[in-house]
Amino acid sequence: MVDLAAENIKIMKAVYDVYVASKGQNIDLLLSYLGEDTRWSSIGSNGVAKFLRDHHGPDDVRAYFRDLYQDWEMERYDVTEYVAQDDRVIVLGEVAFRHKLTGRHVETKKADIWRLEGGRIMEFFEFFDTAAIEAAATP
């Protein structure tokens, strides 16, 4: 019998390994796992951080990364733990980003919640200190 949680952690570890090693610039593996109806959400207002909105489908998720890296540079992304049960994987860590316009740095704890279905990413929700992100992005 297949251990669904273990299989999903294996997928997510591979995705994070590539993403973190490239400092967020290589999203090809991640995109290859997206379902056609993937829902991608960041919790926060849509003020000065334009990536903080709901995204739907692979093309819109690609726009998330375009918007994110247009304004931000990843300095560090440390994954500290993977937790899974059935179709859900939670990835905990800490990140540091620098806003390109203001030069301000932000460090925050981060929790990513994934739902996979048949090896495809169907939902993603991320939680981090959005107030600090918006403060760093405000000129």
N, C-alpha and C. Protein backbone atom coordinates (compact mmCIF):
# COMPACT_ATOMS: atom_id res chain seq x y z
N MET A 1 0.83 -1.18 0.00
CA MET A 1 0.00 0.00 0.00
C MET A 1 0.88 1.25 0.00
N VAL A 2 0.52 2.25 -0.78
CA VAL A 2 1.29 3.48 -0.91
C VAL A 2 1.01 4.38 0.30
N ASP A 3 2.07 4.92 0.88
CA ASP A 3 1.95 5.88 1.97
C ASP A 3 1.81 7.26 1.33
N LEU A 4 0.58 7.76 1.22
CA LEU A 4 0.29 9.01 0.54
C LEU A 4 1.05 10.18 1.15
N ALA A 5 1.08 10.26 2.47
CA ALA A 5 1.77 11.36 3.13
C ALA A 5 3.26 11.35 2.78
N ALA A 6 3.88 10.17 2.81
CA ALA A 6 5.31 10.07 2.49
C ALA A 6 5.58 10.44 1.03
N GLU A 7 4.72 10.02 0.13
CA GLU A 7 4.87 10.38 -1.29
C GLU A 7 4.74 11.88 -1.49
N ASN A 8 3.79 12.50 -0.81
CA ASN A 8 3.60 13.94 -0.95
C ASN A 8 4.77 14.72 -0.36
N ILE A 9 5.33 14.26 0.75
CA ILE A 9 6.52 14.91 1.31
C ILE A 9 7.68 14.79 0.34
N LYS A 10 7.82 13.65 -0.29
CA LYS A 10 8.90 13.45 -1.27
C LYS A 10 8.79 14.47 -2.41
N ILE A 11 7.59 14.68 -2.91
CA ILE A 11 7.38 15.68 -3.97
C ILE A 11 7.74 17.07 -3.47
N MET A 12 7.23 17.43 -2.30
CA MET A 12 7.45 18.78 -1.80
C MET A 12 8.92 19.03 -1.46
N LYS A 13 9.62 18.03 -0.94
CA LYS A 13 11.06 18.19 -0.68
C LYS A 13 11.81 18.46 -1.96
N ALA A 14 11.47 17.73 -3.02
CA ALA A 14 12.13 17.95 -4.31
C ALA A 14 11.88 19.36 -4.82
N VAL A 15 10.62 19.82 -4.72
CA VAL A 15 10.26 21.17 -5.17
C VAL A 15 11.03 22.22 -4.37
N TYR A 16 11.06 22.09 -3.04
CA TYR A 16 11.75 23.08 -2.21
C TYR A 16 13.25 23.04 -2.44
N ASP A 17 13.83 21.86 -2.61
CA ASP A 17 15.28 21.78 -2.84
C ASP A 17 15.68 22.60 -4.07
N VAL A 18 14.93 22.47 -5.16
CA VAL A 18 15.24 23.21 -6.39
C VAL A 18 14.98 24.70 -6.19
N TYR A 19 13.84 25.02 -5.60
CA TYR A 19 13.45 26.42 -5.41
C TYR A 19 14.44 27.16 -4.51
N VAL A 20 14.79 26.56 -3.39
CA VAL A 20 15.70 27.21 -2.43
C VAL A 20 17.10 27.32 -3.03
N ALA A 21 17.59 26.26 -3.68
CA ALA A 21 18.94 26.30 -4.26
C ALA A 21 19.08 27.39 -5.31
N SER A 22 17.97 27.71 -6.00
CA SER A 22 18.01 28.74 -7.05
C SER A 22 17.63 30.12 -6.52
N LYS A 23 17.44 30.24 -5.20
CA LYS A 23 16.98 31.49 -4.57
C LYS A 23 15.70 31.98 -5.23
N GLY A 24 14.80 31.04 -5.52
CA GLY A 24 13.49 31.37 -6.04
C GLY A 24 13.43 31.58 -7.53
N GLN A 25 14.52 31.42 -8.23
CA GLN A 25 14.54 31.71 -9.66
C GLN A 25 14.14 30.52 -10.53
N ASN A 26 14.23 29.31 -9.99
CA ASN A 26 13.84 28.13 -10.77
C ASN A 26 12.53 27.58 -10.21
N ILE A 27 11.45 27.85 -10.92
CA ILE A 27 10.13 27.38 -10.49
C ILE A 27 9.58 26.31 -11.44
N ASP A 28 10.41 25.86 -12.37
CA ASP A 28 9.94 24.91 -13.39
C ASP A 28 9.42 23.61 -12.77
N LEU A 29 10.13 23.04 -11.80
CA LEU A 29 9.68 21.80 -11.18
C LEU A 29 8.35 22.02 -10.46
N LEU A 30 8.26 23.10 -9.73
CA LEU A 30 7.01 23.44 -9.04
C LEU A 30 5.86 23.54 -10.05
N LEU A 31 6.05 24.29 -11.11
CA LEU A 31 5.00 24.46 -12.11
C LEU A 31 4.59 23.14 -12.74
N SER A 32 5.53 22.22 -12.87
CA SER A 32 5.22 20.92 -13.49
C SER A 32 4.28 20.08 -12.62
N TYR A 33 4.19 20.38 -11.34
CA TYR A 33 3.31 19.64 -10.43
C TYR A 33 1.94 20.31 -10.25
N LEU A 34 1.74 21.48 -10.81
CA LEU A 34 0.47 22.18 -10.61
C LEU A 34 -0.66 21.52 -11.38
N GLY A 35 -1.83 21.43 -10.72
CA GLY A 35 -3.03 21.00 -11.40
C GLY A 35 -3.61 22.17 -12.19
N GLU A 36 -4.45 21.88 -13.15
CA GLU A 36 -5.05 22.93 -13.98
C GLU A 36 -5.89 23.91 -13.16
N ASP A 37 -6.47 23.43 -12.08
CA ASP A 37 -7.34 24.27 -11.25
C ASP A 37 -6.68 24.65 -9.92
N THR A 38 -5.36 24.66 -9.89
CA THR A 38 -4.66 24.99 -8.65
C THR A 38 -5.10 26.33 -8.10
N ARG A 39 -5.33 26.34 -6.79
CA ARG A 39 -5.65 27.59 -6.08
C ARG A 39 -4.43 27.95 -5.24
N TRP A 40 -3.92 29.17 -5.38
CA TRP A 40 -2.68 29.63 -4.75
C TRP A 40 -3.00 30.91 -4.01
N SER A 41 -2.84 30.92 -2.69
CA SER A 41 -3.26 32.07 -1.90
C SER A 41 -2.21 32.52 -0.91
N SER A 42 -2.10 33.82 -0.78
CA SER A 42 -1.27 34.45 0.24
C SER A 42 -2.21 35.24 1.14
N ILE A 43 -2.00 35.14 2.41
CA ILE A 43 -2.84 35.86 3.36
C ILE A 43 -2.26 37.25 3.53
N GLY A 44 -3.07 38.26 3.32
CA GLY A 44 -2.60 39.62 3.50
C GLY A 44 -3.37 40.57 2.61
N SER A 45 -3.12 41.85 2.80
CA SER A 45 -3.80 42.84 1.97
C SER A 45 -3.10 42.92 0.62
N ASN A 46 -3.70 43.59 -0.30
CA ASN A 46 -3.13 43.76 -1.62
C ASN A 46 -2.60 45.17 -1.78
N GLY A 47 -1.95 45.68 -0.75
CA GLY A 47 -1.43 47.04 -0.78
C GLY A 47 -0.20 47.13 -1.66
N VAL A 48 0.94 47.36 -1.06
CA VAL A 48 2.17 47.56 -1.81
C VAL A 48 2.83 46.26 -2.26
N ALA A 49 2.37 45.13 -1.76
CA ALA A 49 2.92 43.83 -2.16
C ALA A 49 1.90 43.16 -3.08
N LYS A 50 2.05 43.38 -4.38
CA LYS A 50 1.03 42.96 -5.33
C LYS A 50 0.90 41.45 -5.48
N PHE A 51 1.88 40.68 -5.01
CA PHE A 51 1.77 39.23 -5.09
C PHE A 51 0.80 38.66 -4.05
N LEU A 52 0.40 39.49 -3.07
CA LEU A 52 -0.51 39.05 -2.02
C LEU A 52 -1.96 39.09 -2.50
N ARG A 53 -2.34 38.08 -3.24
CA ARG A 53 -3.70 37.95 -3.74
C ARG A 53 -3.93 36.48 -4.08
N ASP A 54 -5.16 36.13 -4.35
CA ASP A 54 -5.46 34.77 -4.78
C ASP A 54 -5.07 34.60 -6.24
N HIS A 55 -4.54 33.43 -6.55
CA HIS A 55 -4.15 33.07 -7.91
C HIS A 55 -4.84 31.75 -8.25
N HIS A 56 -5.18 31.59 -9.52
CA HIS A 56 -5.86 30.37 -9.96
C HIS A 56 -5.24 29.86 -11.25
N GLY A 57 -4.79 28.62 -11.21
CA GLY A 57 -4.22 27.99 -12.40
C GLY A 57 -2.75 28.30 -12.60
N PRO A 58 -2.08 27.47 -13.41
CA PRO A 58 -0.63 27.60 -13.61
C PRO A 58 -0.17 28.96 -14.14
N ASP A 59 -0.89 29.55 -15.08
CA ASP A 59 -0.46 30.84 -15.63
C ASP A 59 -0.51 31.93 -14.56
N ASP A 60 -1.53 31.89 -13.73
CA ASP A 60 -1.66 32.88 -12.66
C ASP A 60 -0.61 32.65 -11.57
N VAL A 61 -0.26 31.40 -11.31
CA VAL A 61 0.80 31.12 -10.34
C VAL A 61 2.14 31.63 -10.88
N ARG A 62 2.36 31.47 -12.16
CA ARG A 62 3.58 32.03 -12.77
C ARG A 62 3.60 33.56 -12.55
N ALA A 63 2.44 34.22 -12.65
CA ALA A 63 2.34 35.67 -12.42
C ALA A 63 2.68 36.01 -10.96
N TYR A 64 2.30 35.13 -10.02
CA TYR A 64 2.66 35.32 -8.61
C TYR A 64 4.18 35.47 -8.49
N PHE A 65 4.90 34.54 -9.09
CA PHE A 65 6.36 34.58 -8.98
C PHE A 65 6.96 35.77 -9.73
N ARG A 66 6.39 36.12 -10.86
CA ARG A 66 6.84 37.30 -11.60
C ARG A 66 6.69 38.55 -10.72
N ASP A 67 5.52 38.71 -10.12
CA ASP A 67 5.27 39.87 -9.26
C ASP A 67 6.16 39.86 -8.02
N LEU A 68 6.33 38.70 -7.43
CA LEU A 68 7.16 38.58 -6.23
C LEU A 68 8.59 39.01 -6.53
N TYR A 69 9.19 38.42 -7.57
CA TYR A 69 10.61 38.68 -7.83
C TYR A 69 10.87 39.95 -8.63
N GLN A 70 9.83 40.59 -9.10
CA GLN A 70 10.00 41.91 -9.70
C GLN A 70 10.39 42.90 -8.60
N ASP A 71 9.83 42.72 -7.40
CA ASP A 71 10.05 43.66 -6.31
C ASP A 71 10.96 43.15 -5.19
N TRP A 72 11.14 41.83 -5.10
CA TRP A 72 11.85 41.25 -3.96
C TRP A 72 13.00 40.35 -4.41
N GLU A 73 14.02 40.28 -3.56
CA GLU A 73 15.13 39.37 -3.77
C GLU A 73 15.21 38.43 -2.56
N MET A 74 15.21 37.13 -2.83
CA MET A 74 15.33 36.17 -1.74
C MET A 74 16.78 36.16 -1.24
N GLU A 75 16.93 36.34 0.06
CA GLU A 75 18.25 36.26 0.67
C GLU A 75 18.47 34.89 1.32
N ARG A 76 17.39 34.36 1.88
CA ARG A 76 17.51 33.08 2.61
C ARG A 76 16.14 32.43 2.69
N TYR A 77 16.12 31.11 2.59
CA TYR A 77 14.89 30.34 2.79
C TYR A 77 15.31 29.05 3.46
N ASP A 78 15.02 28.94 4.73
CA ASP A 78 15.40 27.76 5.51
C ASP A 78 14.16 26.95 5.85
N VAL A 79 14.06 25.77 5.29
CA VAL A 79 12.98 24.86 5.65
C VAL A 79 13.41 24.12 6.91
N THR A 80 12.53 24.13 7.91
CA THR A 80 12.87 23.49 9.18
C THR A 80 12.10 22.20 9.42
N GLU A 81 10.94 22.04 8.76
CA GLU A 81 10.13 20.84 9.04
C GLU A 81 9.09 20.61 7.95
N TYR A 82 8.88 19.32 7.66
CA TYR A 82 7.79 18.89 6.79
C TYR A 82 6.85 18.03 7.64
N VAL A 83 5.56 18.33 7.58
CA VAL A 83 4.56 17.56 8.32
C VAL A 83 3.48 17.18 7.31
N ALA A 84 3.07 15.92 7.31
CA ALA A 84 2.05 15.51 6.33
C ALA A 84 1.05 14.56 6.95
N GLN A 85 -0.16 14.65 6.44
CA GLN A 85 -1.22 13.71 6.77
C GLN A 85 -2.13 13.63 5.55
N ASP A 86 -2.31 12.43 5.06
CA ASP A 86 -3.15 12.19 3.89
C ASP A 86 -2.70 13.09 2.73
N ASP A 87 -3.59 13.97 2.24
CA ASP A 87 -3.28 14.78 1.06
C ASP A 87 -2.69 16.14 1.40
N ARG A 88 -2.41 16.41 2.69
CA ARG A 88 -1.89 17.72 3.12
C ARG A 88 -0.43 17.62 3.53
N VAL A 89 0.33 18.65 3.14
CA VAL A 89 1.72 18.79 3.58
C VAL A 89 1.89 20.21 4.10
N ILE A 90 2.45 20.32 5.29
CA ILE A 90 2.76 21.62 5.87
C ILE A 90 4.28 21.75 5.91
N VAL A 91 4.77 22.85 5.39
CA VAL A 91 6.21 23.10 5.37
C VAL A 91 6.46 24.35 6.21
N LEU A 92 7.29 24.18 7.24
CA LEU A 92 7.62 25.27 8.15
C LEU A 92 9.04 25.74 7.89
N GLY A 93 9.26 27.03 8.07
CA GLY A 93 10.60 27.54 7.86
C GLY A 93 10.71 29.00 8.21
N GLU A 94 11.84 29.57 7.82
CA GLU A 94 12.11 30.99 8.01
C GLU A 94 12.68 31.52 6.71
N VAL A 95 12.27 32.74 6.37
CA VAL A 95 12.73 33.35 5.12
C VAL A 95 13.27 34.75 5.39
N ALA A 96 14.12 35.21 4.48
CA ALA A 96 14.60 36.59 4.50
C ALA A 96 14.58 37.09 3.06
N PHE A 97 13.98 38.27 2.89
CA PHE A 97 13.88 38.90 1.59
C PHE A 97 14.32 40.36 1.71
N ARG A 98 14.77 40.92 0.58
CA ARG A 98 15.11 42.33 0.49
C ARG A 98 14.24 42.96 -0.59
N HIS A 99 13.62 44.09 -0.23
CA HIS A 99 12.81 44.81 -1.22
C HIS A 99 13.77 45.59 -2.12
N LYS A 100 13.63 45.43 -3.42
CA LYS A 100 14.57 46.02 -4.37
C LYS A 100 14.53 47.54 -4.40
N LEU A 101 13.37 48.14 -4.24
CA LEU A 101 13.25 49.59 -4.30
C LEU A 101 13.70 50.26 -3.00
N THR A 102 13.22 49.76 -1.87
CA THR A 102 13.54 50.41 -0.59
C THR A 102 14.85 49.92 0.01
N GLY A 103 15.29 48.73 -0.38
CA GLY A 103 16.51 48.14 0.19
C GLY A 103 16.30 47.53 1.56
N ARG A 104 15.07 47.57 2.07
CA ARG A 104 14.79 47.03 3.41
C ARG A 104 14.73 45.50 3.39
N HIS A 105 15.19 44.94 4.49
CA HIS A 105 15.20 43.48 4.66
C HIS A 105 14.05 43.06 5.57
N VAL A 106 13.52 41.89 5.30
CA VAL A 106 12.47 41.31 6.13
C VAL A 106 12.86 39.87 6.43
N GLU A 107 12.78 39.49 7.70
CA GLU A 107 12.94 38.10 8.11
C GLU A 107 11.66 37.71 8.81
N THR A 108 11.12 36.55 8.46
CA THR A 108 9.87 36.10 9.06
C THR A 108 9.79 34.58 9.06
N LYS A 109 9.10 34.06 10.04
CA LYS A 109 8.75 32.65 10.03
C LYS A 109 7.70 32.47 8.93
N LYS A 110 7.62 31.25 8.38
CA LYS A 110 6.71 31.01 7.27
C LYS A 110 6.13 29.61 7.41
N ALA A 111 4.84 29.51 7.10
CA ALA A 111 4.17 28.21 7.06
C ALA A 111 3.45 28.10 5.71
N ASP A 112 3.74 27.04 4.99
CA ASP A 112 3.09 26.76 3.71
C ASP A 112 2.23 25.52 3.87
N ILE A 113 1.00 25.61 3.42
CA ILE A 113 0.07 24.48 3.50
C ILE A 113 -0.29 24.08 2.08
N TRP A 114 -0.02 22.83 1.76
CA TRP A 114 -0.23 22.29 0.42
C TRP A 114 -1.29 21.18 0.47
N ARG A 115 -2.09 21.09 -0.58
CA ARG A 115 -2.97 19.93 -0.76
C ARG A 115 -2.66 19.35 -2.14
N LEU A 116 -2.32 18.08 -2.13
CA LEU A 116 -2.00 17.39 -3.37
C LEU A 116 -3.07 16.35 -3.67
N GLU A 117 -3.28 16.13 -4.94
CA GLU A 117 -4.26 15.14 -5.38
C GLU A 117 -3.65 14.38 -6.56
N GLY A 118 -3.40 13.09 -6.36
CA GLY A 118 -2.79 12.30 -7.42
C GLY A 118 -1.42 12.81 -7.83
N GLY A 119 -0.66 13.34 -6.88
CA GLY A 119 0.66 13.87 -7.17
C GLY A 119 0.67 15.26 -7.76
N ARG A 120 -0.48 15.89 -7.88
CA ARG A 120 -0.60 17.25 -8.42
C ARG A 120 -0.93 18.22 -7.29
N ILE A 121 -0.34 19.40 -7.35
CA ILE A 121 -0.62 20.44 -6.36
C ILE A 121 -1.95 21.10 -6.72
N MET A 122 -2.91 21.02 -5.80
CA MET A 122 -4.24 21.58 -6.04
C MET A 122 -4.50 22.84 -5.24
N GLU A 123 -3.86 22.96 -4.07
CA GLU A 123 -4.03 24.15 -3.23
C GLU A 123 -2.73 24.49 -2.54
N PHE A 124 -2.52 25.79 -2.37
CA PHE A 124 -1.36 26.30 -1.63
C PHE A 124 -1.82 27.53 -0.86
N PHE A 125 -1.50 27.57 0.43
CA PHE A 125 -1.75 28.74 1.27
C PHE A 125 -0.45 29.03 2.01
N GLU A 126 -0.03 30.30 2.01
CA GLU A 126 1.19 30.66 2.74
C GLU A 126 0.85 31.69 3.82
N PHE A 127 1.53 31.54 4.94
CA PHE A 127 1.34 32.42 6.08
C PHE A 127 2.71 32.94 6.52
N PHE A 128 2.82 34.25 6.65
CA PHE A 128 4.05 34.89 7.11
C PHE A 128 3.69 36.28 7.61
N ASP A 129 4.65 37.05 8.04
CA ASP A 129 4.39 38.38 8.59
C ASP A 129 4.16 39.37 7.45
N THR A 130 2.93 39.44 6.99
CA THR A 130 2.61 40.33 5.86
C THR A 130 2.72 41.80 6.25
N ALA A 131 2.52 42.13 7.51
CA ALA A 131 2.68 43.52 7.95
C ALA A 131 4.14 43.96 7.77
N ALA A 132 5.09 43.09 8.09
CA ALA A 132 6.50 43.41 7.91
C ALA A 132 6.85 43.53 6.42
N ILE A 133 6.24 42.68 5.60
CA ILE A 133 6.46 42.74 4.15
C ILE A 133 5.97 44.09 3.61
N GLU A 134 4.77 44.47 3.98
CA GLU A 134 4.22 45.74 3.48
C GLU A 134 5.00 46.94 4.03
N ALA A 135 5.46 46.88 5.27
CA ALA A 135 6.26 47.98 5.82
C ALA A 135 7.58 48.12 5.06
N ALA A 136 8.22 47.00 4.75
CA ALA A 136 9.50 47.05 4.03
C ALA A 136 9.32 47.55 2.61
N ALA A 137 8.15 47.34 2.03
CA ALA A 137 7.92 47.75 0.64
C ALA A 137 7.41 49.19 0.53
N THR A 138 7.08 49.80 1.64
CA THR A 138 6.53 51.16 1.61
C THR A 138 7.68 52.17 1.61
N PRO A 139 7.74 52.99 0.56
CA PRO A 139 8.84 53.99 0.47
C PRO A 139 8.78 55.01 1.61
